[in-house]
Amino acid sequence: MTTKFDIDKIVNYLSKYKSDLPNLYNWNAKIDRLVELETLTKEQVEEINRLKRPYEKELQLKKIVGQKLNETRENNKTLFDKLCLWIIKDWGGILTANDSDTIKLIENFLKQDNPDFKRIASSSKVGAYLFPHKNIIYDSRVAYSLNWIILSENAGQQYFPIPEGRNSKMSAFDLNVLIRLKNISIYQPNNISLLDNKLFIKNSDKHLFIDKKIAYSELNKLVKQINQKLWQGDNEKEQNLYFTEMILFSIADREVFVDITKRWNELAKTN
């Protein structure tokens, strides 16, 4: 099954947010431990913490931490592993996983073109810091926003599996349910006995949702195309996928939520 999207429609949707990205982005990570991890000096921590907006702080971290990761990957695995854990736990806020399991997860992730979808929200954070020109963070917010744009703008017929998340607004308007409702004919059995098959939904979903085995590579491929058009003319933004990722992350439970509540009745009628 070939994955095809209307890039122009997605870019058009995101264009109205790109100039306001410095204000939209509000993820504010704690960075003090980067001194212990030989990545920032105390003076740099103070300087970065004085920046007015999380967006400005984030751009500094992307460059500095990303460079340190690449420097230590081959010649200082101990520090590399600690930085990976900092990205996932301190920066990313994912605190529950066992450290040794997470390190194995990252090792496996870096060996594969199509990594395991399980815990992709964790492993892809490291991938995005290491290779910002080709990888993005695949988390629930990014997939939620992108799926809504594809659905609402008729920008494609396939959707990305959404990693588990804990955001109450996104849970209230489950995008997987909205996608299925918009494509309800796929789930209408010719014979009611077909519903006795425990795999009925899983098999039906295959018509709409990209296989988890290739979802990460497909997402990176799509966002790279979007990024090049969305930021055309700005060399730094064209080359670093995190600028588009940051928009998708930022609008998921605010702008996209409002869009869903305003437009769903209209969209439901077009099926």
C-alpha atoms as a PDB file:
ATOM      1  CA  MET A   1       0.000   0.000   0.000  1.00  0.00           C
ATOM      2  CA  THR A   2       1.575   3.288  -1.141  1.00  0.00           C
ATOM      3  CA  THR A   3       1.455   6.113   1.381  1.00  0.00           C
ATOM      4  CA  LYS A   4       0.486   9.362  -0.356  1.00  0.00           C
ATOM      5  CA  PHE A   5      -0.336  12.740   1.130  1.00  0.00           C
ATOM      6  CA  ASP A   6      -1.219  16.165  -0.220  1.00  0.00           C
ATOM      7  CA  ILE A   7       1.760  18.103   1.113  1.00  0.00           C
ATOM      8  CA  ASP A   8       0.393  21.481   0.013  1.00  0.00           C
ATOM      9  CA  LYS A   9      -2.783  21.056   2.062  1.00  0.00           C
ATOM     10  CA  ILE A  10      -0.818  20.149   5.188  1.00  0.00           C
ATOM     11  CA  VAL A  11       1.598  23.030   4.670  1.00  0.00           C
ATOM     12  CA  ASN A  12      -1.299  25.437   4.147  1.00  0.00           C
ATOM     13  CA  TYR A  13      -2.851  24.350   7.467  1.00  0.00           C
ATOM     14  CA  LEU A  14       0.406  24.762   9.383  1.00  0.00           C
ATOM     15  CA  SER A  15       1.372  28.042   7.719  1.00  0.00           C
ATOM     16  CA  LYS A  16      -1.001  30.035   9.893  1.00  0.00           C
ATOM     17  CA  TYR A  17       0.921  28.960  12.985  1.00  0.00           C
ATOM     18  CA  LYS A  18       4.541  29.171  11.904  1.00  0.00           C
ATOM     19  CA  SER A  19       5.074  32.876  12.586  1.00  0.00           C
ATOM     20  CA  ASP A  20       3.676  32.444  16.092  1.00  0.00           C
ATOM     21  CA  LEU A  21       5.737  29.350  16.946  1.00  0.00           C
ATOM     22  CA  PRO A  22       7.971  31.254  19.427  1.00  0.00           C
ATOM     23  CA  ASN A  23       4.852  32.005  21.473  1.00  0.00           C
ATOM     24  CA  LEU A  24       3.025  28.716  20.918  1.00  0.00           C
ATOM     25  CA  TYR A  25       5.840  26.481  22.129  1.00  0.00           C
ATOM     26  CA  ASN A  26       5.788  26.287  25.930  1.00  0.00           C
ATOM     27  CA  TRP A  27       7.638  23.086  26.895  1.00  0.00           C
ATOM     28  CA  ASN A  28      10.070  24.251  29.568  1.00  0.00           C
ATOM     29  CA  ALA A  29      12.570  21.559  30.577  1.00  0.00           C
ATOM     30  CA  LYS A  30      14.822  21.606  33.625  1.00  0.00           C
ATOM     31  CA  ILE A  31      18.429  21.817  32.537  1.00  0.00           C
ATOM     32  CA  ASP A  32      20.505  22.090  35.740  1.00  0.00           C
ATOM     33  CA  ARG A  33      21.684  18.458  35.550  1.00  0.00           C
ATOM     34  CA  LEU A  34      23.428  19.148  32.245  1.00  0.00           C
ATOM     35  CA  VAL A  35      26.301  20.623  34.266  1.00  0.00           C
ATOM     36  CA  GLU A  36      26.847  17.237  35.925  1.00  0.00           C
ATOM     37  CA  LEU A  37      26.637  15.662  32.472  1.00  0.00           C
ATOM     38  CA  GLU A  38      29.471  17.853  31.153  1.00  0.00           C
ATOM     39  CA  THR A  39      27.215  19.446  28.567  1.00  0.00           C
ATOM     40  CA  LEU A  40      26.643  22.928  29.994  1.00  0.00           C
ATOM     41  CA  THR A  41      28.611  25.104  32.370  1.00  0.00           C
ATOM     42  CA  LYS A  42      26.873  26.760  35.318  1.00  0.00           C
ATOM     43  CA  GLU A  43      27.189  30.057  33.473  1.00  0.00           C
ATOM     44  CA  GLN A  44      25.491  28.599  30.395  1.00  0.00           C
ATOM     45  CA  VAL A  45      22.653  27.218  32.534  1.00  0.00           C
ATOM     46  CA  GLU A  46      22.094  30.644  34.054  1.00  0.00           C
ATOM     47  CA  GLU A  47      22.250  32.307  30.652  1.00  0.00           C
ATOM     48  CA  ILE A  48      19.772  29.893  29.070  1.00  0.00           C
ATOM     49  CA  ASN A  49      17.412  30.097  32.033  1.00  0.00           C
ATOM     50  CA  ARG A  50      17.339  33.876  31.612  1.00  0.00           C
ATOM     51  CA  LEU A  51      15.872  33.543  28.124  1.00  0.00           C
ATOM     52  CA  LYS A  52      12.321  34.855  28.105  1.00  0.00           C
ATOM     53  CA  ARG A  53      10.616  32.108  26.131  1.00  0.00           C
ATOM     54  CA  PRO A  54      10.841  28.303  26.261  1.00  0.00           C
ATOM     55  CA  TYR A  55      11.180  28.374  22.463  1.00  0.00           C
ATOM     56  CA  GLU A  56      14.496  30.226  22.632  1.00  0.00           C
ATOM     57  CA  LYS A  57      15.704  27.899  25.366  1.00  0.00           C
ATOM     58  CA  GLU A  58      14.699  24.881  23.293  1.00  0.00           C
ATOM     59  CA  LEU A  59      16.691  25.967  20.251  1.00  0.00           C
ATOM     60  CA  GLN A  60      19.814  26.267  22.406  1.00  0.00           C
ATOM     61  CA  LEU A  61      19.278  22.785  23.851  1.00  0.00           C
ATOM     62  CA  LYS A  62      18.699  21.188  20.439  1.00  0.00           C
ATOM     63  CA  LYS A  63      22.089  22.395  19.245  1.00  0.00           C
ATOM     64  CA  ILE A  64      24.193  21.928  22.387  1.00  0.00           C
ATOM     65  CA  VAL A  65      22.792  18.581  23.561  1.00  0.00           C
ATOM     66  CA  GLY A  66      22.639  17.248  20.011  1.00  0.00           C
ATOM     67  CA  GLN A  67      26.292  18.068  19.441  1.00  0.00           C
ATOM     68  CA  LYS A  68      27.312  16.464  22.739  1.00  0.00           C
ATOM     69  CA  LEU A  69      25.358  13.312  21.901  1.00  0.00           C
ATOM     70  CA  ASN A  70      27.124  12.954  18.574  1.00  0.00           C
ATOM     71  CA  GLU A  71      30.515  13.558  20.206  1.00  0.00           C
ATOM     72  CA  THR A  72      30.012  10.922  22.900  1.00  0.00           C
ATOM     73  CA  ARG A  73      28.200   8.233  20.905  1.00  0.00           C
ATOM     74  CA  GLU A  74      31.391   6.460  19.811  1.00  0.00           C
ATOM     75  CA  ASN A  75      33.987   7.500  22.400  1.00  0.00           C
ATOM     76  CA  ASN A  76      32.144   7.834  25.716  1.00  0.00           C
ATOM     77  CA  LYS A  77      29.224   5.434  25.928  1.00  0.00           C
ATOM     78  CA  THR A  78      28.698   6.025  29.645  1.00  0.00           C
ATOM     79  CA  LEU A  79      28.104   9.726  29.156  1.00  0.00           C
ATOM     80  CA  PHE A  80      26.120   9.076  25.984  1.00  0.00           C
ATOM     81  CA  ASP A  81      23.762   6.770  27.889  1.00  0.00           C
ATOM     82  CA  LYS A  82      23.336   9.326  30.668  1.00  0.00           C
ATOM     83  CA  LEU A  83      22.490  12.027  28.143  1.00  0.00           C
ATOM     84  CA  CYS A  84      19.936   9.746  26.499  1.00  0.00           C
ATOM     85  CA  LEU A  85      18.308   9.197  29.878  1.00  0.00           C
ATOM     86  CA  TRP A  86      18.328  12.955  30.506  1.00  0.00           C
ATOM     87  CA  ILE A  87      16.537  13.535  27.195  1.00  0.00           C
ATOM     88  CA  ILE A  88      13.871  10.942  27.921  1.00  0.00           C
ATOM     89  CA  LYS A  89      13.387  11.595  31.632  1.00  0.00           C
ATOM     90  CA  ASP A  90      14.450  15.133  32.561  1.00  0.00           C
ATOM     91  CA  TRP A  91      13.673  16.807  29.262  1.00  0.00           C
ATOM     92  CA  GLY A  92      10.894  14.521  28.052  1.00  0.00           C
ATOM     93  CA  GLY A  93       9.167  13.903  31.373  1.00  0.00           C
ATOM     94  CA  ILE A  94       8.954  10.100  30.933  1.00  0.00           C
ATOM     95  CA  LEU A  95       9.938   8.948  34.398  1.00  0.00           C
ATOM     96  CA  THR A  96       8.568   5.460  34.951  1.00  0.00           C
ATOM     97  CA  ALA A  97      10.788   3.242  32.805  1.00  0.00           C
ATOM     98  CA  ASN A  98      13.751   1.268  34.117  1.00  0.00           C
ATOM     99  CA  ASP A  99      17.062   2.884  33.127  1.00  0.00           C
ATOM    100  CA  SER A 100      18.740  -0.291  31.876  1.00  0.00           C
ATOM    101  CA  ASP A 101      15.673  -1.168  29.782  1.00  0.00           C
ATOM    102  CA  THR A 102      15.699   2.323  28.308  1.00  0.00           C
ATOM    103  CA  ILE A 103      19.381   2.101  27.384  1.00  0.00           C
ATOM    104  CA  LYS A 104      18.716  -1.217  25.592  1.00  0.00           C
ATOM    105  CA  LEU A 105      15.759   0.435  23.852  1.00  0.00           C
ATOM    106  CA  ILE A 106      18.019   3.199  22.521  1.00  0.00           C
ATOM    107  CA  GLU A 107      20.689   0.732  21.405  1.00  0.00           C
ATOM    108  CA  ASN A 108      18.112  -1.227  19.403  1.00  0.00           C
ATOM    109  CA  PHE A 109      16.556   1.962  18.038  1.00  0.00           C
ATOM    110  CA  LEU A 110      19.864   3.181  16.647  1.00  0.00           C
ATOM    111  CA  LYS A 111      20.486  -0.111  14.841  1.00  0.00           C
ATOM    112  CA  GLN A 112      17.240  -0.127  12.867  1.00  0.00           C
ATOM    113  CA  ASP A 113      15.723   1.862  10.021  1.00  0.00           C
ATOM    114  CA  ASN A 114      12.268   0.809  11.211  1.00  0.00           C
ATOM    115  CA  PRO A 115      12.516   0.610  15.006  1.00  0.00           C
ATOM    116  CA  ASP A 116      10.006  -1.101  17.263  1.00  0.00           C
ATOM    117  CA  PHE A 117       6.896   1.059  17.732  1.00  0.00           C
ATOM    118  CA  LYS A 118       6.766   0.134  21.403  1.00  0.00           C
ATOM    119  CA  ARG A 119       8.012   3.147  23.387  1.00  0.00           C
ATOM    120  CA  ILE A 120       8.648   5.091  20.175  1.00  0.00           C
ATOM    121  CA  ALA A 121       7.821   8.318  22.046  1.00  0.00           C
ATOM    122  CA  SER A 122      10.923   7.670  24.174  1.00  0.00           C
ATOM    123  CA  SER A 123      13.400   6.347  21.641  1.00  0.00           C
ATOM    124  CA  SER A 124      12.541   8.884  18.948  1.00  0.00           C
ATOM    125  CA  LYS A 125      13.419  11.734  21.340  1.00  0.00           C
ATOM    126  CA  VAL A 126      17.033  10.589  21.219  1.00  0.00           C
ATOM    127  CA  GLY A 127      16.841  10.075  17.462  1.00  0.00           C
ATOM    128  CA  ALA A 128      15.575  13.623  16.974  1.00  0.00           C
ATOM    129  CA  TYR A 129      18.384  15.113  19.070  1.00  0.00           C
ATOM    130  CA  LEU A 130      21.029  13.055  17.259  1.00  0.00           C
ATOM    131  CA  PHE A 131      19.794  13.511  13.697  1.00  0.00           C
ATOM    132  CA  PRO A 132      17.515  16.588  13.502  1.00  0.00           C
ATOM    133  CA  HIS A 133      17.839  16.704   9.716  1.00  0.00           C
ATOM    134  CA  LYS A 134      16.100  13.338   9.272  1.00  0.00           C
ATOM    135  CA  ASN A 135      14.302  12.336  12.521  1.00  0.00           C
ATOM    136  CA  ILE A 136      11.486  13.832  14.530  1.00  0.00           C
ATOM    137  CA  ILE A 137       9.933  12.928  17.865  1.00  0.00           C
ATOM    138  CA  TYR A 138       7.055  10.517  17.316  1.00  0.00           C
ATOM    139  CA  ASP A 139       4.813  11.196  20.287  1.00  0.00           C
ATOM    140  CA  SER A 140       1.063  11.340  20.829  1.00  0.00           C
ATOM    141  CA  ARG A 141       0.770  15.103  20.276  1.00  0.00           C
ATOM    142  CA  VAL A 142       2.645  15.121  16.985  1.00  0.00           C
ATOM    143  CA  ALA A 143       0.666  12.175  15.581  1.00  0.00           C
ATOM    144  CA  TYR A 144      -2.629  13.597  16.896  1.00  0.00           C
ATOM    145  CA  SER A 145      -2.141  16.959  15.186  1.00  0.00           C
ATOM    146  CA  LEU A 146      -0.944  15.445  11.932  1.00  0.00           C
ATOM    147  CA  ASN A 147      -3.817  12.949  11.793  1.00  0.00           C
ATOM    148  CA  TRP A 148      -6.350  15.728  12.350  1.00  0.00           C
ATOM    149  CA  ILE A 149      -4.850  17.788   9.537  1.00  0.00           C
ATOM    150  CA  ILE A 150      -4.926  14.801   7.163  1.00  0.00           C
ATOM    151  CA  LEU A 151      -8.528  14.078   8.156  1.00  0.00           C
ATOM    152  CA  SER A 152      -9.916  17.615   8.189  1.00  0.00           C
ATOM    153  CA  GLU A 153      -8.125  18.833   5.060  1.00  0.00           C
ATOM    154  CA  ASN A 154      -8.639  15.645   3.016  1.00  0.00           C
ATOM    155  CA  ALA A 155      -4.869  15.484   2.696  1.00  0.00           C
ATOM    156  CA  GLY A 156      -4.592  11.694   2.500  1.00  0.00           C
ATOM    157  CA  GLN A 157      -6.315   8.366   3.043  1.00  0.00           C
ATOM    158  CA  GLN A 158      -3.912   6.908   5.590  1.00  0.00           C
ATOM    159  CA  TYR A 159      -3.179   7.827   9.172  1.00  0.00           C
ATOM    160  CA  PHE A 160      -0.434   7.337  11.731  1.00  0.00           C
ATOM    161  CA  PRO A 161      -0.859   5.102  14.777  1.00  0.00           C
ATOM    162  CA  ILE A 162      -0.879   7.325  17.856  1.00  0.00           C
ATOM    163  CA  PRO A 163       1.324   6.355  20.818  1.00  0.00           C
ATOM    164  CA  GLU A 164      -0.377   6.259  24.185  1.00  0.00           C
ATOM    165  CA  GLY A 165      -0.717   9.613  25.927  1.00  0.00           C
ATOM    166  CA  ARG A 166      -2.220  11.043  29.073  1.00  0.00           C
ATOM    167  CA  ASN A 167      -3.652  14.326  27.835  1.00  0.00           C
ATOM    168  CA  SER A 168      -7.308  14.560  28.893  1.00  0.00           C
ATOM    169  CA  LYS A 169      -8.388  16.817  26.013  1.00  0.00           C
ATOM    170  CA  MET A 170      -6.872  14.522  23.407  1.00  0.00           C
ATOM    171  CA  SER A 171      -8.397  11.496  25.137  1.00  0.00           C
ATOM    172  CA  ALA A 172     -11.827  13.130  25.134  1.00  0.00           C
ATOM    173  CA  PHE A 173     -11.717  13.488  21.347  1.00  0.00           C
ATOM    174  CA  ASP A 174      -9.937  10.289  20.421  1.00  0.00           C
ATOM    175  CA  LEU A 175      -8.614  10.792  16.882  1.00  0.00           C
ATOM    176  CA  ASN A 176      -8.717   7.061  16.159  1.00  0.00           C
ATOM    177  CA  VAL A 177     -12.470   7.101  16.795  1.00  0.00           C
ATOM    178  CA  LEU A 178     -12.988  10.230  14.685  1.00  0.00           C
ATOM    179  CA  ILE A 179     -11.023   8.691  11.819  1.00  0.00           C
ATOM    180  CA  ARG A 180     -13.121   5.511  11.982  1.00  0.00           C
ATOM    181  CA  LEU A 181     -16.375   7.472  12.124  1.00  0.00           C
ATOM    182  CA  LYS A 182     -15.374   9.554   9.109  1.00  0.00           C
ATOM    183  CA  ASN A 183     -14.630   6.292   7.254  1.00  0.00           C
ATOM    184  CA  ILE A 184     -17.522   4.331   8.744  1.00  0.00           C
ATOM    185  CA  SER A 185     -18.230   2.320   5.588  1.00  0.00           C
ATOM    186  CA  ILE A 186     -14.992   0.383   6.111  1.00  0.00           C
ATOM    187  CA  TYR A 187     -16.399  -0.949   9.394  1.00  0.00           C
ATOM    188  CA  GLN A 188     -19.842  -1.941   8.134  1.00  0.00           C
ATOM    189  CA  PRO A 189     -19.900  -5.757   7.883  1.00  0.00           C
ATOM    190  CA  ASN A 190     -21.648  -7.408   4.929  1.00  0.00           C
ATOM    191  CA  ASN A 191     -22.778 -10.055   7.370  1.00  0.00           C
ATOM    192  CA  ILE A 192     -23.194  -9.566  11.111  1.00  0.00           C
ATOM    193  CA  SER A 193     -21.451 -12.874  11.749  1.00  0.00           C
ATOM    194  CA  LEU A 194     -18.188 -11.229  10.654  1.00  0.00           C
ATOM    195  CA  LEU A 195     -18.228  -9.384  13.978  1.00  0.00           C
ATOM    196  CA  ASP A 196     -17.597 -12.683  15.743  1.00  0.00           C
ATOM    197  CA  ASN A 197     -14.027 -12.450  14.446  1.00  0.00           C
ATOM    198  CA  LYS A 198     -11.936 -10.988  17.276  1.00  0.00           C
ATOM    199  CA  LEU A 199      -9.653  -9.386  14.680  1.00  0.00           C
ATOM    200  CA  PHE A 200     -12.468  -7.545  12.888  1.00  0.00           C
ATOM    201  CA  ILE A 201     -11.367  -4.055  13.964  1.00  0.00           C
ATOM    202  CA  LYS A 202      -7.658  -4.807  13.567  1.00  0.00           C
ATOM    203  CA  ASN A 203      -8.212  -6.081  10.030  1.00  0.00           C
ATOM    204  CA  SER A 204     -10.454  -3.150   9.145  1.00  0.00           C
ATOM    205  CA  ASP A 205      -7.931  -0.674  10.540  1.00  0.00           C
ATOM    206  CA  LYS A 206      -5.367  -1.895   8.017  1.00  0.00           C
ATOM    207  CA  HIS A 207      -7.245   0.044   5.340  1.00  0.00           C
ATOM    208  CA  LEU A 208      -6.679   3.327   7.189  1.00  0.00           C
ATOM    209  CA  PHE A 209      -3.722   3.146   9.543  1.00  0.00           C
ATOM    210  CA  ILE A 210      -0.096   2.812   8.515  1.00  0.00           C
ATOM    211  CA  ASP A 211       1.554  -0.361   9.779  1.00  0.00           C
ATOM    212  CA  LYS A 212       3.421   0.277  13.032  1.00  0.00           C
ATOM    213  CA  LYS A 213       6.456  -1.490  11.575  1.00  0.00           C
ATOM    214  CA  ILE A 214       7.020   1.357   9.092  1.00  0.00           C
ATOM    215  CA  ALA A 215       5.183   4.216  10.811  1.00  0.00           C
ATOM    216  CA  TYR A 216       8.307   5.941  12.124  1.00  0.00           C
ATOM    217  CA  SER A 217      10.111   6.010   8.782  1.00  0.00           C
ATOM    218  CA  GLU A 218       6.914   7.132   7.016  1.00  0.00           C
ATOM    219  CA  LEU A 219       6.404   9.936   9.537  1.00  0.00           C
ATOM    220  CA  ASN A 220       9.969  11.177   9.107  1.00  0.00           C
ATOM    221  CA  LYS A 221       9.591  11.067   5.341  1.00  0.00           C
ATOM    222  CA  LEU A 222       6.344  13.048   5.412  1.00  0.00           C
ATOM    223  CA  VAL A 223       7.547  15.691   7.880  1.00  0.00           C
ATOM    224  CA  LYS A 224      10.714  16.209   5.847  1.00  0.00           C
ATOM    225  CA  GLN A 225       8.592  17.029   2.798  1.00  0.00           C
ATOM    226  CA  ILE A 226       6.363  19.321   4.842  1.00  0.00           C
ATOM    227  CA  ASN A 227       9.340  21.012   6.481  1.00  0.00           C
ATOM    228  CA  GLN A 228      11.030  21.872   3.190  1.00  0.00           C
ATOM    229  CA  LYS A 229       7.909  23.603   1.844  1.00  0.00           C
ATOM    230  CA  LEU A 230       6.761  25.187   5.083  1.00  0.00           C
ATOM    231  CA  TRP A 231      10.108  26.874   5.783  1.00  0.00           C
ATOM    232  CA  GLN A 232      11.254  27.396   2.201  1.00  0.00           C
ATOM    233  CA  GLY A 233      13.882  30.123   2.017  1.00  0.00           C
ATOM    234  CA  ASP A 234      15.059  29.720   5.616  1.00  0.00           C
ATOM    235  CA  ASN A 235      18.036  27.377   5.421  1.00  0.00           C
ATOM    236  CA  GLU A 236      18.272  26.545   9.131  1.00  0.00           C
ATOM    237  CA  LYS A 237      14.574  25.704   9.436  1.00  0.00           C
ATOM    238  CA  GLU A 238      14.488  23.772   6.162  1.00  0.00           C
ATOM    239  CA  GLN A 239      17.280  21.510   7.399  1.00  0.00           C
ATOM    240  CA  ASN A 240      15.996  20.860  10.930  1.00  0.00           C
ATOM    241  CA  LEU A 241      12.740  18.942  11.169  1.00  0.00           C
ATOM    242  CA  TYR A 242      12.116  19.981  14.749  1.00  0.00           C
ATOM    243  CA  PHE A 243      10.660  23.319  13.667  1.00  0.00           C
ATOM    244  CA  THR A 244       7.665  21.587  12.094  1.00  0.00           C
ATOM    245  CA  GLU A 245       7.568  19.033  14.897  1.00  0.00           C
ATOM    246  CA  MET A 246       7.373  21.857  17.458  1.00  0.00           C
ATOM    247  CA  ILE A 247       4.308  23.312  15.730  1.00  0.00           C
ATOM    248  CA  LEU A 248       2.558  19.937  15.636  1.00  0.00           C
ATOM    249  CA  PHE A 249       3.399  19.366  19.299  1.00  0.00           C
ATOM    250  CA  SER A 250       2.245  22.817  20.379  1.00  0.00           C
ATOM    251  CA  ILE A 251      -1.160  22.936  18.677  1.00  0.00           C
ATOM    252  CA  ALA A 252      -2.400  19.434  19.594  1.00  0.00           C
ATOM    253  CA  ASP A 253      -4.411  20.172  22.720  1.00  0.00           C
ATOM    254  CA  ARG A 254      -5.250  23.820  22.002  1.00  0.00           C
ATOM    255  CA  GLU A 255      -5.651  24.921  18.392  1.00  0.00           C
ATOM    256  CA  VAL A 256      -6.442  21.439  17.076  1.00  0.00           C
ATOM    257  CA  PHE A 257      -8.864  20.828  19.954  1.00  0.00           C
ATOM    258  CA  VAL A 258     -10.733  24.043  19.094  1.00  0.00           C
ATOM    259  CA  ASP A 259     -10.723  23.114  15.403  1.00  0.00           C
ATOM    260  CA  ILE A 260     -12.247  19.701  16.138  1.00  0.00           C
ATOM    261  CA  THR A 261     -15.032  21.149  18.282  1.00  0.00           C
ATOM    262  CA  LYS A 262     -15.869  23.775  15.677  1.00  0.00           C
ATOM    263  CA  ARG A 263     -15.661  21.701  12.502  1.00  0.00           C
ATOM    264  CA  TRP A 264     -16.646  18.127  13.333  1.00  0.00           C
ATOM    265  CA  ASN A 265     -20.359  18.468  12.505  1.00  0.00           C
ATOM    266  CA  GLU A 266     -19.488  19.883   9.113  1.00  0.00           C
ATOM    267  CA  LEU A 267     -16.884  17.182   8.403  1.00  0.00           C
ATOM    268  CA  ALA A 268     -19.142  14.338   9.556  1.00  0.00           C
ATOM    269  CA  LYS A 269     -21.745  15.343   6.992  1.00  0.00           C
ATOM    270  CA  THR A 270     -19.329  14.993   4.084  1.00  0.00           C
ATOM    271  CA  ASN A 271     -18.862  11.240   4.494  1.00  0.00           C
END
